Structure formats: structure tokens, C-alpha cells
Amino acid sequence: MTFNYAVLPREYEHGGALVFPALAGDWGLVVNEAMAAGLPVLGSVYDQAVEELVVGGENGWTFRPDRPGEVYSKLDPFFAASELDLNRVMLSARETALRLVLCG
């Protein structure tokens, strides 16, 4: 079975955000993909992509998944964000992904 990667951006758009609670990892490509689709990322500080790309409150939020209180504290601003603020974060996520394509 083969996967049609051309449909991937549309699949990401069905979500409101990418939550990526990795406990370890090199580079979670899903972070790039989600940002390219305009999704804010709520991601683990233990992932290199999150550490490199996510700027707290600008295009997503970072947290330590092994600290439950910290996870909840980062979910709160996402769920409390106004539509205008969420749109700003989504646009910033797309811009981050675009910079990777243009500069990388």
C-alpha cells in the first residue's frame, strides 16, 4: 500500500493543532508538516524540531511531557486564545515553515 503525500496538508487542516509529546527524538518531521498546514504546535522540548522551530506564544507552545502540570499549563493558552489570536499563531506557524523551505 502506498500513501499519497499530496493529501497530507489537507489532512492536517482537519486538526486545530499538533500536540507532540515526544519523550525523546531527533527531528519530528510532523512539526514541519503541521506548521506548513498552518497548525500551531504544542510540542515537547525533548524534540529537536520543536526546540528549533516553536517560539512560545508565537507559533505554538513548548512543554515537558514528563511534567503533567506543565502540559496543562500550555494547553490553557491554546484553548483560551481568541479566534484572532489563534489566527495570528497559525499564520506565524505557516511563515516558520515557509522560511525553512526558502532558506533550508
PDB file of N, CA and C in Angstrom:
ATOM      1  N   MET A   1       0.838  -1.178   0.000  1.00  0.00           N
ATOM      2  CA  MET A   1       0.000   0.000   0.000  1.00  0.00           C
ATOM      3  C   MET A   1       0.887   1.247   0.000  1.00  0.00           C
ATOM      4  N   THR A   2       0.545   2.208  -0.814  1.00  0.00           N
ATOM      5  CA  THR A   2       1.293   3.465  -0.874  1.00  0.00           C
ATOM      6  C   THR A   2       0.434   4.592  -0.320  1.00  0.00           C
ATOM      7  N   PHE A   3       1.117   5.598   0.175  1.00  0.00           N
ATOM      8  CA  PHE A   3       0.426   6.754   0.730  1.00  0.00           C
ATOM      9  C   PHE A   3       0.610   7.928  -0.211  1.00  0.00           C
ATOM     10  N   ASN A   4      -0.452   8.646  -0.478  1.00  0.00           N
ATOM     11  CA  ASN A   4      -0.412   9.819  -1.337  1.00  0.00           C
ATOM     12  C   ASN A   4      -0.081  11.044  -0.477  1.00  0.00           C
ATOM     13  N   TYR A   5       1.186  11.435  -0.488  1.00  0.00           N
ATOM     14  CA  TYR A   5       1.625  12.552   0.352  1.00  0.00           C
ATOM     15  C   TYR A   5       1.034  13.889  -0.081  1.00  0.00           C
ATOM     16  N   ALA A   6       0.486  13.964  -1.262  1.00  0.00           N
ATOM     17  CA  ALA A   6      -0.132  15.215  -1.729  1.00  0.00           C
ATOM     18  C   ALA A   6      -1.359  15.579  -0.894  1.00  0.00           C
ATOM     19  N   VAL A   7      -2.003  14.610  -0.277  1.00  0.00           N
ATOM     20  CA  VAL A   7      -3.195  14.882   0.525  1.00  0.00           C
ATOM     21  C   VAL A   7      -2.856  15.226   1.975  1.00  0.00           C
ATOM     22  N   LEU A   8      -1.597  15.077   2.357  1.00  0.00           N
ATOM     23  CA  LEU A   8      -1.202  15.286   3.745  1.00  0.00           C
ATOM     24  C   LEU A   8      -1.560  16.673   4.283  1.00  0.00           C
ATOM     25  N   PRO A   9      -1.281  17.757   3.555  1.00  0.00           N
ATOM     26  CA  PRO A   9      -1.656  19.075   4.096  1.00  0.00           C
ATOM     27  C   PRO A   9      -3.148  19.200   4.386  1.00  0.00           C
ATOM     28  N   ARG A  10      -3.983  18.638   3.538  1.00  0.00           N
ATOM     29  CA  ARG A  10      -5.438  18.698   3.780  1.00  0.00           C
ATOM     30  C   ARG A  10      -5.813  17.907   5.023  1.00  0.00           C
ATOM     31  N   GLU A  11      -5.120  16.803   5.267  1.00  0.00           N
ATOM     32  CA  GLU A  11      -5.405  16.004   6.464  1.00  0.00           C
ATOM     33  C   GLU A  11      -5.032  16.779   7.729  1.00  0.00           C
ATOM     34  N   TYR A  12      -3.895  17.454   7.710  1.00  0.00           N
ATOM     35  CA  TYR A  12      -3.501  18.266   8.863  1.00  0.00           C
ATOM     36  C   TYR A  12      -4.511  19.380   9.122  1.00  0.00           C
ATOM     37  N   GLU A  13      -5.066  19.958   8.088  1.00  0.00           N
ATOM     38  CA  GLU A  13      -6.009  21.066   8.249  1.00  0.00           C
ATOM     39  C   GLU A  13      -7.268  20.659   9.004  1.00  0.00           C
ATOM     40  N   HIS A  14      -7.540  19.362   9.108  1.00  0.00           N
ATOM     41  CA  HIS A  14      -8.705  18.905   9.862  1.00  0.00           C
ATOM     42  C   HIS A  14      -8.494  19.053  11.373  1.00  0.00           C
ATOM     43  N   GLY A  15      -7.246  19.216  11.780  1.00  0.00           N
ATOM     44  CA  GLY A  15      -6.940  19.380  13.201  1.00  0.00           C
ATOM     45  C   GLY A  15      -6.868  20.850  13.565  1.00  0.00           C
ATOM     46  N   GLY A  16      -6.905  21.129  14.837  1.00  0.00           N
ATOM     47  CA  GLY A  16      -6.780  22.505  15.289  1.00  0.00           C
ATOM     48  C   GLY A  16      -5.374  22.847  15.721  1.00  0.00           C
ATOM     49  N   ALA A  17      -4.599  21.804  16.042  1.00  0.00           N
ATOM     50  CA  ALA A  17      -3.218  21.979  16.483  1.00  0.00           C
ATOM     51  C   ALA A  17      -2.538  20.618  16.430  1.00  0.00           C
ATOM     52  N   LEU A  18      -1.219  20.643  16.444  1.00  0.00           N
ATOM     53  CA  LEU A  18      -0.454  19.411  16.589  1.00  0.00           C
ATOM     54  C   LEU A  18       0.032  19.349  18.028  1.00  0.00           C
ATOM     55  N   VAL A  19      -0.316  18.275  18.724  1.00  0.00           N
ATOM     56  CA  VAL A  19       0.201  18.033  20.060  1.00  0.00           C
ATOM     57  C   VAL A  19       1.215  16.915  19.912  1.00  0.00           C
ATOM     58  N   PHE A  20       2.462  17.223  20.259  1.00  0.00           N
ATOM     59  CA  PHE A  20       3.572  16.297  20.015  1.00  0.00           C
ATOM     60  C   PHE A  20       4.347  16.089  21.324  1.00  0.00           C
ATOM     61  N   PRO A  21       3.910  15.104  22.137  1.00  0.00           N
ATOM     62  CA  PRO A  21       4.503  14.907  23.461  1.00  0.00           C
ATOM     63  C   PRO A  21       5.682  13.928  23.474  1.00  0.00           C
ATOM     64  N   ALA A  22       6.604  14.053  22.545  1.00  0.00           N
ATOM     65  CA  ALA A  22       7.737  13.130  22.461  1.00  0.00           C
ATOM     66  C   ALA A  22       8.597  13.201  23.720  1.00  0.00           C
ATOM     67  N   LEU A  23       9.007  12.034  24.196  1.00  0.00           N
ATOM     68  CA  LEU A  23       9.906  11.982  25.341  1.00  0.00           C
ATOM     69  C   LEU A  23      11.370  12.003  24.906  1.00  0.00           C
ATOM     70  N   ALA A  24      11.623  11.736  23.648  1.00  0.00           N
ATOM     71  CA  ALA A  24      12.976  11.781  23.081  1.00  0.00           C
ATOM     72  C   ALA A  24      12.825  11.786  21.569  1.00  0.00           C
ATOM     73  N   GLY A  25      13.840  12.233  20.890  1.00  0.00           N
ATOM     74  CA  GLY A  25      13.774  12.174  19.442  1.00  0.00           C
ATOM     75  C   GLY A  25      14.777  13.095  18.794  1.00  0.00           C
ATOM     76  N   ASP A  26      14.989  12.840  17.529  1.00  0.00           N
ATOM     77  CA  ASP A  26      15.904  13.662  16.759  1.00  0.00           C
ATOM     78  C   ASP A  26      15.152  14.844  16.168  1.00  0.00           C
ATOM     79  N   TRP A  27      14.409  14.601  15.112  1.00  0.00           N
ATOM     80  CA  TRP A  27      13.680  15.680  14.452  1.00  0.00           C
ATOM     81  C   TRP A  27      12.316  15.136  14.055  1.00  0.00           C
ATOM     82  N   GLY A  28      11.281  15.588  14.738  1.00  0.00           N
ATOM     83  CA  GLY A  28       9.928  15.151  14.417  1.00  0.00           C
ATOM     84  C   GLY A  28       9.420  15.877  13.185  1.00  0.00           C
ATOM     85  N   LEU A  29       9.462  15.217  12.047  1.00  0.00           N
ATOM     86  CA  LEU A  29       9.048  15.833  10.786  1.00  0.00           C
ATOM     87  C   LEU A  29       7.598  16.306  10.828  1.00  0.00           C
ATOM     88  N   VAL A  30       6.794  15.698  11.687  1.00  0.00           N
ATOM     89  CA  VAL A  30       5.393  16.115  11.799  1.00  0.00           C
ATOM     90  C   VAL A  30       5.282  17.580  12.225  1.00  0.00           C
ATOM     91  N   VAL A  31       6.291  18.090  12.915  1.00  0.00           N
ATOM     92  CA  VAL A  31       6.281  19.502  13.335  1.00  0.00           C
ATOM     93  C   VAL A  31       6.337  20.390  12.097  1.00  0.00           C
ATOM     94  N   ASN A  32       7.250  20.107  11.188  1.00  0.00           N
ATOM     95  CA  ASN A  32       7.339  20.857   9.930  1.00  0.00           C
ATOM     96  C   ASN A  32       6.036  20.760   9.149  1.00  0.00           C
ATOM     97  N   GLU A  33       5.521  19.547   9.040  1.00  0.00           N
ATOM     98  CA  GLU A  33       4.312  19.314   8.244  1.00  0.00           C
ATOM     99  C   GLU A  33       3.120  20.069   8.821  1.00  0.00           C
ATOM    100  N   ALA A  34       2.969  20.024  10.141  1.00  0.00           N
ATOM    101  CA  ALA A  34       1.845  20.713  10.777  1.00  0.00           C
ATOM    102  C   ALA A  34       1.953  22.220  10.589  1.00  0.00           C
ATOM    103  N   MET A  35       3.153  22.744  10.753  1.00  0.00           N
ATOM    104  CA  MET A  35       3.330  24.182  10.581  1.00  0.00           C
ATOM    105  C   MET A  35       3.051  24.598   9.139  1.00  0.00           C
ATOM    106  N   ALA A  36       3.467  23.789   8.191  1.00  0.00           N
ATOM    107  CA  ALA A  36       3.201  24.094   6.786  1.00  0.00           C
ATOM    108  C   ALA A  36       1.703  24.151   6.515  1.00  0.00           C
ATOM    109  N   ALA A  37       0.932  23.368   7.264  1.00  0.00           N
ATOM    110  CA  ALA A  37      -0.523  23.378   7.124  1.00  0.00           C
ATOM    111  C   ALA A  37      -1.159  24.489   7.966  1.00  0.00           C
ATOM    112  N   GLY A  38      -0.337  25.250   8.684  1.00  0.00           N
ATOM    113  CA  GLY A  38      -0.857  26.358   9.483  1.00  0.00           C
ATOM    114  C   GLY A  38      -1.339  25.971  10.858  1.00  0.00           C
ATOM    115  N   LEU A  39      -0.867  24.844  11.360  1.00  0.00           N
ATOM    116  CA  LEU A  39      -1.285  24.439  12.700  1.00  0.00           C
ATOM    117  C   LEU A  39      -0.284  24.907  13.742  1.00  0.00           C
ATOM    118  N   PRO A  40      -0.774  25.450  14.843  1.00  0.00           N
ATOM    119  CA  PRO A  40       0.136  25.721  15.948  1.00  0.00           C
ATOM    120  C   PRO A  40       0.616  24.394  16.532  1.00  0.00           C
ATOM    121  N   VAL A  41       1.802  24.400  17.088  1.00  0.00           N
ATOM    122  CA  VAL A  41       2.385  23.180  17.647  1.00  0.00           C
ATOM    123  C   VAL A  41       2.495  23.313  19.155  1.00  0.00           C
ATOM    124  N   LEU A  42       1.947  22.344  19.855  1.00  0.00           N
ATOM    125  CA  LEU A  42       2.155  22.202  21.285  1.00  0.00           C
ATOM    126  C   LEU A  42       3.107  21.026  21.404  1.00  0.00           C
ATOM    127  N   GLY A  43       4.396  21.318  21.557  1.00  0.00           N
ATOM    128  CA  GLY A  43       5.388  20.271  21.411  1.00  0.00           C
ATOM    129  C   GLY A  43       6.360  20.138  22.556  1.00  0.00           C
ATOM    130  N   SER A  44       6.926  18.957  22.622  1.00  0.00           N
ATOM    131  CA  SER A  44       7.877  18.577  23.644  1.00  0.00           C
ATOM    132  C   SER A  44       9.237  19.237  23.442  1.00  0.00           C
ATOM    133  N   VAL A  45       9.798  19.736  24.528  1.00  0.00           N
ATOM    134  CA  VAL A  45      11.140  20.317  24.476  1.00  0.00           C
ATOM    135  C   VAL A  45      12.202  19.257  24.214  1.00  0.00           C
ATOM    136  N   TYR A  46      11.819  17.988  24.261  1.00  0.00           N
ATOM    137  CA  TYR A  46      12.771  16.912  24.031  1.00  0.00           C
ATOM    138  C   TYR A  46      12.909  16.563  22.556  1.00  0.00           C
ATOM    139  N   ASP A  47      12.208  17.260  21.704  1.00  0.00           N
ATOM    140  CA  ASP A  47      12.310  17.035  20.262  1.00  0.00           C
ATOM    141  C   ASP A  47      13.064  18.200  19.629  1.00  0.00           C
ATOM    142  N   GLN A  48      14.009  17.896  18.753  1.00  0.00           N
ATOM    143  CA  GLN A  48      14.829  18.939  18.141  1.00  0.00           C
ATOM    144  C   GLN A  48      14.019  19.893  17.273  1.00  0.00           C
ATOM    145  N   ALA A  49      13.062  19.386  16.526  1.00  0.00           N
ATOM    146  CA  ALA A  49      12.262  20.259  15.658  1.00  0.00           C
ATOM    147  C   ALA A  49      11.489  21.273  16.497  1.00  0.00           C
ATOM    148  N   VAL A  50      10.921  20.816  17.581  1.00  0.00           N
ATOM    149  CA  VAL A  50      10.180  21.718  18.465  1.00  0.00           C
ATOM    150  C   VAL A  50      11.122  22.762  19.043  1.00  0.00           C
ATOM    151  N   GLU A  51      12.272  22.322  19.532  1.00  0.00           N
ATOM    152  CA  GLU A  51      13.240  23.249  20.125  1.00  0.00           C
ATOM    153  C   GLU A  51      13.715  24.289  19.117  1.00  0.00           C
ATOM    154  N   GLU A  52      13.874  23.878  17.878  1.00  0.00           N
ATOM    155  CA  GLU A  52      14.395  24.768  16.847  1.00  0.00           C
ATOM    156  C   GLU A  52      13.325  25.699  16.259  1.00  0.00           C
ATOM    157  N   LEU A  53      12.095  25.207  16.134  1.00  0.00           N
ATOM    158  CA  LEU A  53      11.079  25.930  15.366  1.00  0.00           C
ATOM    159  C   LEU A  53       9.995  26.619  16.188  1.00  0.00           C
ATOM    160  N   VAL A  54       9.643  26.069  17.324  1.00  0.00           N
ATOM    161  CA  VAL A  54       8.495  26.590  18.072  1.00  0.00           C
ATOM    162  C   VAL A  54       8.935  27.719  19.000  1.00  0.00           C
ATOM    163  N   VAL A  55       8.284  28.858  18.829  1.00  0.00           N
ATOM    164  CA  VAL A  55       8.512  30.018  19.687  1.00  0.00           C
ATOM    165  C   VAL A  55       7.240  30.198  20.513  1.00  0.00           C
ATOM    166  N   GLY A  56       7.371  30.038  21.813  1.00  0.00           N
ATOM    167  CA  GLY A  56       6.227  30.069  22.718  1.00  0.00           C
ATOM    168  C   GLY A  56       5.319  31.273  22.538  1.00  0.00           C
ATOM    169  N   GLY A  57       4.048  31.003  22.292  1.00  0.00           N
ATOM    170  CA  GLY A  57       3.064  32.059  22.119  1.00  0.00           C
ATOM    171  C   GLY A  57       3.062  32.687  20.739  1.00  0.00           C
ATOM    172  N   GLU A  58       4.081  32.411  19.949  1.00  0.00           N
ATOM    173  CA  GLU A  58       4.147  32.988  18.603  1.00  0.00           C
ATOM    174  C   GLU A  58       3.610  32.017  17.548  1.00  0.00           C
ATOM    175  N   ASN A  59       4.138  30.792  17.518  1.00  0.00           N
ATOM    176  CA  ASN A  59       3.667  29.806  16.542  1.00  0.00           C
ATOM    177  C   ASN A  59       3.316  28.480  17.212  1.00  0.00           C
ATOM    178  N   GLY A  60       3.276  28.504  18.528  1.00  0.00           N
ATOM    179  CA  GLY A  60       2.940  27.307  19.294  1.00  0.00           C
ATOM    180  C   GLY A  60       3.400  27.468  20.729  1.00  0.00           C
ATOM    181  N   TRP A  61       3.520  26.349  21.431  1.00  0.00           N
ATOM    182  CA  TRP A  61       3.948  26.348  22.821  1.00  0.00           C
ATOM    183  C   TRP A  61       4.778  25.102  23.076  1.00  0.00           C
ATOM    184  N   THR A  62       5.746  25.195  23.966  1.00  0.00           N
ATOM    185  CA  THR A  62       6.569  24.040  24.311  1.00  0.00           C
ATOM    186  C   THR A  62       6.287  23.612  25.743  1.00  0.00           C
ATOM    187  N   PHE A  63       6.534  22.336  26.007  1.00  0.00           N
ATOM    188  CA  PHE A  63       6.320  21.796  27.344  1.00  0.00           C
ATOM    189  C   PHE A  63       7.168  20.554  27.544  1.00  0.00           C
ATOM    190  N   ARG A  64       7.280  20.143  28.796  1.00  0.00           N
ATOM    191  CA  ARG A  64       7.946  18.889  29.146  1.00  0.00           C
ATOM    192  C   ARG A  64       6.847  17.858  29.402  1.00  0.00           C
ATOM    193  N   PRO A  65       6.726  16.853  28.533  1.00  0.00           N
ATOM    194  CA  PRO A  65       5.626  15.895  28.669  1.00  0.00           C
ATOM    195  C   PRO A  65       5.714  15.028  29.922  1.00  0.00           C
ATOM    196  N   ASP A  66       6.869  14.973  30.552  1.00  0.00           N
ATOM    197  CA  ASP A  66       7.008  14.188  31.773  1.00  0.00           C
ATOM    198  C   ASP A  66       6.633  14.993  33.021  1.00  0.00           C
ATOM    199  N   ARG A  67       6.105  16.199  32.804  1.00  0.00           N
ATOM    200  CA  ARG A  67       5.614  17.043  33.898  1.00  0.00           C
ATOM    201  C   ARG A  67       4.163  17.424  33.585  1.00  0.00           C
ATOM    202  N   PRO A  68       3.197  16.625  34.058  1.00  0.00           N
ATOM    203  CA  PRO A  68       1.791  16.843  33.691  1.00  0.00           C
ATOM    204  C   PRO A  68       1.292  18.262  33.937  1.00  0.00           C
ATOM    205  N   GLY A  69       1.686  18.880  35.016  1.00  0.00           N
ATOM    206  CA  GLY A  69       1.239  20.250  35.289  1.00  0.00           C
ATOM    207  C   GLY A  69       1.682  21.211  34.212  1.00  0.00           C
ATOM    208  N   GLU A  70       2.861  20.985  33.672  1.00  0.00           N
ATOM    209  CA  GLU A  70       3.376  21.846  32.616  1.00  0.00           C
ATOM    210  C   GLU A  70       2.587  21.649  31.322  1.00  0.00           C
ATOM    211  N   VAL A  71       2.199  20.419  31.056  1.00  0.00           N
ATOM    212  CA  VAL A  71       1.390  20.135  29.868  1.00  0.00           C
ATOM    213  C   VAL A  71       0.084  20.916  29.942  1.00  0.00           C
ATOM    214  N   TYR A  72      -0.594  20.816  31.059  1.00  0.00           N
ATOM    215  CA  TYR A  72      -1.873  21.519  31.211  1.00  0.00           C
ATOM    216  C   TYR A  72      -1.702  23.027  31.128  1.00  0.00           C
ATOM    217  N   SER A  73      -0.612  23.536  31.673  1.00  0.00           N
ATOM    218  CA  SER A  73      -0.412  24.985  31.650  1.00  0.00           C
ATOM    219  C   SER A  73      -0.196  25.505  30.226  1.00  0.00           C
ATOM    220  N   LYS A  74       0.254  24.655  29.316  1.00  0.00           N
ATOM    221  CA  LYS A  74       0.448  25.071  27.920  1.00  0.00           C
ATOM    222  C   LYS A  74      -0.807  24.847  27.086  1.00  0.00           C
ATOM    223  N   LEU A  75      -1.663  23.942  27.530  1.00  0.00           N
ATOM    224  CA  LEU A  75      -2.940  23.746  26.832  1.00  0.00           C
ATOM    225  C   LEU A  75      -3.883  24.913  27.112  1.00  0.00           C
ATOM    226  N   ASP A  76      -3.804  25.467  28.311  1.00  0.00           N
ATOM    227  CA  ASP A  76      -4.701  26.566  28.691  1.00  0.00           C
ATOM    228  C   ASP A  76      -4.643  27.749  27.725  1.00  0.00           C
ATOM    229  N   PRO A  77      -3.448  28.279  27.381  1.00  0.00           N
ATOM    230  CA  PRO A  77      -3.444  29.431  26.472  1.00  0.00           C
ATOM    231  C   PRO A  77      -3.966  29.087  25.081  1.00  0.00           C
ATOM    232  N   PHE A  78      -3.772  27.857  24.662  1.00  0.00           N
ATOM    233  CA  PHE A  78      -4.304  27.448  23.360  1.00  0.00           C
ATOM    234  C   PHE A  78      -5.828  27.490  23.378  1.00  0.00           C
ATOM    235  N   PHE A  79      -6.418  26.868  24.383  1.00  0.00           N
ATOM    236  CA  PHE A  79      -7.876  26.812  24.446  1.00  0.00           C
ATOM    237  C   PHE A  79      -8.506  28.156  24.811  1.00  0.00           C
ATOM    238  N   ALA A  80      -7.760  29.020  25.480  1.00  0.00           N
ATOM    239  CA  ALA A  80      -8.280  30.332  25.867  1.00  0.00           C
ATOM    240  C   ALA A  80      -8.068  31.397  24.789  1.00  0.00           C
ATOM    241  N   ALA A  81      -7.292  31.077  23.755  1.00  0.00           N
ATOM    242  CA  ALA A  81      -6.971  32.075  22.721  1.00  0.00           C
ATOM    243  C   ALA A  81      -8.215  32.485  21.947  1.00  0.00           C
ATOM    244  N   SER A  82      -8.297  33.755  21.649  1.00  0.00           N
ATOM    245  CA  SER A  82      -9.393  34.250  20.810  1.00  0.00           C
ATOM    246  C   SER A  82      -9.160  33.767  19.383  1.00  0.00           C
ATOM    247  N   GLU A  83     -10.179  33.860  18.577  1.00  0.00           N
ATOM    248  CA  GLU A  83     -10.049  33.462  17.179  1.00  0.00           C
ATOM    249  C   GLU A  83      -8.976  34.301  16.481  1.00  0.00           C
ATOM    250  N   LEU A  84      -8.941  35.585  16.781  1.00  0.00           N
ATOM    251  CA  LEU A  84      -7.937  36.473  16.196  1.00  0.00           C
ATOM    252  C   LEU A  84      -6.520  36.049  16.603  1.00  0.00           C
ATOM    253  N   ASP A  85      -6.321  35.782  17.894  1.00  0.00           N
ATOM    254  CA  ASP A  85      -5.000  35.354  18.360  1.00  0.00           C
ATOM    255  C   ASP A  85      -4.602  34.006  17.764  1.00  0.00           C
ATOM    256  N   LEU A  86      -5.550  33.093  17.677  1.00  0.00           N
ATOM    257  CA  LEU A  86      -5.262  31.781  17.102  1.00  0.00           C
ATOM    258  C   LEU A  86      -4.904  31.907  15.620  1.00  0.00           C
ATOM    259  N   ASN A  87      -5.596  32.780  14.916  1.00  0.00           N
ATOM    260  CA  ASN A  87      -5.259  33.003  13.504  1.00  0.00           C
ATOM    261  C   ASN A  87      -3.853  33.577  13.357  1.00  0.00           C
ATOM    262  N   ARG A  88      -3.465  34.448  14.281  1.00  0.00           N
ATOM    263  CA  ARG A  88      -2.110  35.018  14.259  1.00  0.00           C
ATOM    264  C   ARG A  88      -1.064  33.921  14.471  1.00  0.00           C
ATOM    265  N   VAL A  89      -1.318  33.020  15.420  1.00  0.00           N
ATOM    266  CA  VAL A  89      -0.399  31.912  15.700  1.00  0.00           C
ATOM    267  C   VAL A  89      -0.322  30.975  14.500  1.00  0.00           C
ATOM    268  N   MET A  90      -1.454  30.723  13.870  1.00  0.00           N
ATOM    269  CA  MET A  90      -1.483  29.842  12.695  1.00  0.00           C
ATOM    270  C   MET A  90      -0.701  30.446  11.531  1.00  0.00           C
ATOM    271  N   LEU A  91      -0.863  31.732  11.317  1.00  0.00           N
ATOM    272  CA  LEU A  91      -0.117  32.412  10.258  1.00  0.00           C
ATOM    273  C   LEU A  91       1.385  32.365  10.551  1.00  0.00           C
ATOM    274  N   SER A  92       1.748  32.570  11.785  1.00  0.00           N
ATOM    275  CA  SER A  92       3.158  32.513  12.165  1.00  0.00           C
ATOM    276  C   SER A  92       3.728  31.113  11.960  1.00  0.00           C
ATOM    277  N   ALA A  93       2.937  30.087  12.241  1.00  0.00           N
ATOM    278  CA  ALA A  93       3.387  28.706  12.006  1.00  0.00           C
ATOM    279  C   ALA A  93       3.669  28.488  10.522  1.00  0.00           C
ATOM    280  N   ARG A  94       2.764  28.947   9.669  1.00  0.00           N
ATOM    281  CA  ARG A  94       2.980  28.820   8.212  1.00  0.00           C
ATOM    282  C   ARG A  94       4.235  29.568   7.776  1.00  0.00           C
ATOM    283  N   GLU A  95       4.426  30.763   8.312  1.00  0.00           N
ATOM    284  CA  GLU A  95       5.606  31.563   7.955  1.00  0.00           C
ATOM    285  C   GLU A  95       6.895  30.854   8.390  1.00  0.00           C
ATOM    286  N   THR A  96       6.862  30.206   9.539  1.00  0.00           N
ATOM    287  CA  THR A  96       8.026  29.448  10.001  1.00  0.00           C
ATOM    288  C   THR A  96       8.349  28.331   9.019  1.00  0.00           C
ATOM    289  N   ALA A  97       7.340  27.596   8.589  1.00  0.00           N
ATOM    290  CA  ALA A  97       7.556  26.502   7.631  1.00  0.00           C
ATOM    291  C   ALA A  97       8.056  27.035   6.295  1.00  0.00           C
ATOM    292  N   LEU A  98       7.528  28.169   5.878  1.00  0.00           N
ATOM    293  CA  LEU A  98       7.948  28.762   4.603  1.00  0.00           C
ATOM    294  C   LEU A  98       9.422  29.187   4.662  1.00  0.00           C
ATOM    295  N   ARG A  99       9.832  29.748   5.789  1.00  0.00           N
ATOM    296  CA  ARG A  99      11.256  30.123   5.947  1.00  0.00           C
ATOM    297  C   ARG A  99      12.156  28.900   5.817  1.00  0.00           C
ATOM    298  N   LEU A 100      11.706  27.751   6.335  1.00  0.00           N
ATOM    299  CA  LEU A 100      12.506  26.529   6.206  1.00  0.00           C
ATOM    300  C   LEU A 100      12.688  26.149   4.750  1.00  0.00           C
ATOM    301  N   VAL A 101      11.633  26.280   3.978  1.00  0.00           N
ATOM    302  CA  VAL A 101      11.685  25.916   2.569  1.00  0.00           C
ATOM    303  C   VAL A 101      12.574  26.879   1.810  1.00  0.00           C
ATOM    304  N   LEU A 102      12.431  28.165   2.081  1.00  0.00           N
ATOM    305  CA  LEU A 102      13.186  29.173   1.337  1.00  0.00           C
ATOM    306  C   LEU A 102      14.660  29.244   1.745  1.00  0.00           C
ATOM    307  N   CYS A 103      14.937  28.992   3.003  1.00  0.00           N
ATOM    308  CA  CYS A 103      16.308  29.143   3.499  1.00  0.00           C
ATOM    309  C   CYS A 103      17.037  27.816   3.678  1.00  0.00           C
ATOM    310  N   GLY A 104      16.285  26.734   3.707  1.00  0.00           N
ATOM    311  CA  GLY A 104      16.892  25.464   4.072  1.00  0.00           C
ATOM    312  C   GLY A 104      17.276  24.620   2.952  1.00  0.00           C
TER     313      GLY A 104
END
